């Protein structure tokens, strides 16, 4: 079964922010309140400004978190995406 967002919704997986120490140890710097980055994995038919594979910053309180097939996803309306990394 495939999950497809409708209209102007964007489906993404969370992009975790990480910091690496000088010795190579990776320390996660992300709290629940900072979960506002994601990699776009599917888009609705009315989405115009992002494509699959983009890493975006969005308004975290507007995202809907859910689980599908034992994986965590987020869905957000395109208008709530603030920027994308290039």
C-alpha atoms as a PDB file:
ATOM      1  CA  UNK A   1       0.000   0.000   0.000  1.00  0.00           C
ATOM      2  CA  UNK A   2       1.303   3.449  -0.971  1.00  0.00           C
ATOM      3  CA  UNK A   3       0.636   6.681   0.898  1.00  0.00           C
ATOM      4  CA  UNK A   4      -0.158   9.630  -1.388  1.00  0.00           C
ATOM      5  CA  UNK A   5      -0.894  13.134  -0.069  1.00  0.00           C
ATOM      6  CA  UNK A   6      -3.916  14.932  -1.488  1.00  0.00           C
ATOM      7  CA  UNK A   7      -4.174  18.406  -3.047  1.00  0.00           C
ATOM      8  CA  UNK A   8      -1.465  20.781  -1.728  1.00  0.00           C
ATOM      9  CA  UNK A   9      -0.120  18.503   1.022  1.00  0.00           C
ATOM     10  CA  UNK A  10       3.488  17.358   1.298  1.00  0.00           C
ATOM     11  CA  UNK A  11       4.555  14.036   2.839  1.00  0.00           C
ATOM     12  CA  UNK A  12       7.987  13.927   4.439  1.00  0.00           C
ATOM     13  CA  UNK A  13      10.288  12.070   6.778  1.00  0.00           C
ATOM     14  CA  UNK A  14      12.035  13.935   9.536  1.00  0.00           C
ATOM     15  CA  UNK A  15      15.557  15.200   8.897  1.00  0.00           C
ATOM     16  CA  UNK A  16      17.435  15.026  12.160  1.00  0.00           C
ATOM     17  CA  UNK A  17      19.925  17.765  12.967  1.00  0.00           C
ATOM     18  CA  UNK A  18      23.196  16.402  14.267  1.00  0.00           C
ATOM     19  CA  UNK A  19      26.419  17.805  15.609  1.00  0.00           C
ATOM     20  CA  UNK A  20      29.708  15.974  15.364  1.00  0.00           C
ATOM     21  CA  UNK A  21      32.378  16.359  18.042  1.00  0.00           C
ATOM     22  CA  UNK A  22      36.068  16.658  17.160  1.00  0.00           C
ATOM     23  CA  UNK A  23      36.511  12.993  18.085  1.00  0.00           C
ATOM     24  CA  UNK A  24      33.782  11.999  15.622  1.00  0.00           C
ATOM     25  CA  UNK A  25      30.969  11.343  18.087  1.00  0.00           C
ATOM     26  CA  UNK A  26      27.603  12.478  16.748  1.00  0.00           C
ATOM     27  CA  UNK A  27      25.397  14.261  19.275  1.00  0.00           C
ATOM     28  CA  UNK A  28      21.730  14.867  18.466  1.00  0.00           C
ATOM     29  CA  UNK A  29      20.764  18.483  19.144  1.00  0.00           C
ATOM     30  CA  UNK A  30      17.100  18.107  18.375  1.00  0.00           C
ATOM     31  CA  UNK A  31      14.359  18.488  20.954  1.00  0.00           C
ATOM     32  CA  UNK A  32      10.656  17.908  20.333  1.00  0.00           C
ATOM     33  CA  UNK A  33      10.155  21.650  19.776  1.00  0.00           C
ATOM     34  CA  UNK A  34      12.864  21.766  17.062  1.00  0.00           C
ATOM     35  CA  UNK A  35      11.386  19.115  14.769  1.00  0.00           C
ATOM     36  CA  UNK A  36      10.819  21.368  11.814  1.00  0.00           C
ATOM     37  CA  UNK A  37      12.942  19.906   9.009  1.00  0.00           C
ATOM     38  CA  UNK A  38      11.993  17.115   6.673  1.00  0.00           C
ATOM     39  CA  UNK A  39      12.875  15.408   3.415  1.00  0.00           C
ATOM     40  CA  UNK A  40       9.999  15.464   0.921  1.00  0.00           C
ATOM     41  CA  UNK A  41       9.103  11.930  -0.146  1.00  0.00           C
ATOM     42  CA  UNK A  42       5.758  12.511  -1.893  1.00  0.00           C
ATOM     43  CA  UNK A  43       3.696  15.527  -2.978  1.00  0.00           C
ATOM     44  CA  UNK A  44       0.034  16.183  -3.719  1.00  0.00           C
ATOM     45  CA  UNK A  45      -1.132  17.086  -7.235  1.00  0.00           C
ATOM     46  CA  UNK A  46      -1.439  20.832  -6.454  1.00  0.00           C
ATOM     47  CA  UNK A  47       2.060  21.326  -4.970  1.00  0.00           C
ATOM     48  CA  UNK A  48       4.142  23.762  -7.043  1.00  0.00           C
ATOM     49  CA  UNK A  49       7.259  24.896  -5.146  1.00  0.00           C
ATOM     50  CA  UNK A  50       8.831  21.702  -3.784  1.00  0.00           C
ATOM     51  CA  UNK A  51       9.789  18.408  -5.384  1.00  0.00           C
ATOM     52  CA  UNK A  52      10.488  14.933  -4.064  1.00  0.00           C
ATOM     53  CA  UNK A  53      13.917  14.888  -2.411  1.00  0.00           C
ATOM     54  CA  UNK A  54      13.912  18.519  -1.225  1.00  0.00           C
ATOM     55  CA  UNK A  55      14.874  19.144   2.397  1.00  0.00           C
ATOM     56  CA  UNK A  56      12.542  21.801   3.787  1.00  0.00           C
ATOM     57  CA  UNK A  57      11.929  23.865   6.909  1.00  0.00           C
ATOM     58  CA  UNK A  58       8.297  24.131   7.962  1.00  0.00           C
ATOM     59  CA  UNK A  59       6.179  25.506  10.786  1.00  0.00           C
ATOM     60  CA  UNK A  60       6.494  22.629  13.259  1.00  0.00           C
ATOM     61  CA  UNK A  61       3.181  23.186  14.992  1.00  0.00           C
ATOM     62  CA  UNK A  62       1.381  22.815  11.636  1.00  0.00           C
ATOM     63  CA  UNK A  63       2.756  19.336  10.840  1.00  0.00           C
ATOM     64  CA  UNK A  64       0.774  16.175  11.456  1.00  0.00           C
ATOM     65  CA  UNK A  65       2.976  13.324  12.725  1.00  0.00           C
ATOM     66  CA  UNK A  66       1.813   9.759  12.192  1.00  0.00           C
ATOM     67  CA  UNK A  67       2.978   6.183  11.728  1.00  0.00           C
ATOM     68  CA  UNK A  68       2.374   4.110   8.597  1.00  0.00           C
ATOM     69  CA  UNK A  69       3.786   0.626   8.010  1.00  0.00           C
ATOM     70  CA  UNK A  70       5.966   0.942  11.135  1.00  0.00           C
ATOM     71  CA  UNK A  71       7.634   4.177   9.935  1.00  0.00           C
ATOM     72  CA  UNK A  72       7.191   7.752  11.181  1.00  0.00           C
ATOM     73  CA  UNK A  73       6.012  10.438   8.735  1.00  0.00           C
ATOM     74  CA  UNK A  74       4.866  14.054   8.749  1.00  0.00           C
ATOM     75  CA  UNK A  75       2.402  15.754   6.474  1.00  0.00           C
ATOM     76  CA  UNK A  76       2.122  19.521   6.073  1.00  0.00           C
ATOM     77  CA  UNK A  77       0.396  21.896   3.691  1.00  0.00           C
ATOM     78  CA  UNK A  78       2.705  23.486   1.138  1.00  0.00           C
ATOM     79  CA  UNK A  79       1.831  26.983   2.453  1.00  0.00           C
ATOM     80  CA  UNK A  80       3.385  26.037   5.820  1.00  0.00           C
ATOM     81  CA  UNK A  81       6.788  25.294   4.262  1.00  0.00           C
ATOM     82  CA  UNK A  82       9.055  28.262   4.981  1.00  0.00           C
ATOM     83  CA  UNK A  83      12.238  27.402   3.055  1.00  0.00           C
ATOM     84  CA  UNK A  84      14.151  24.654   1.296  1.00  0.00           C
ATOM     85  CA  UNK A  85      17.852  23.808   1.321  1.00  0.00           C
ATOM     86  CA  UNK A  86      19.779  23.925  -1.958  1.00  0.00           C
END
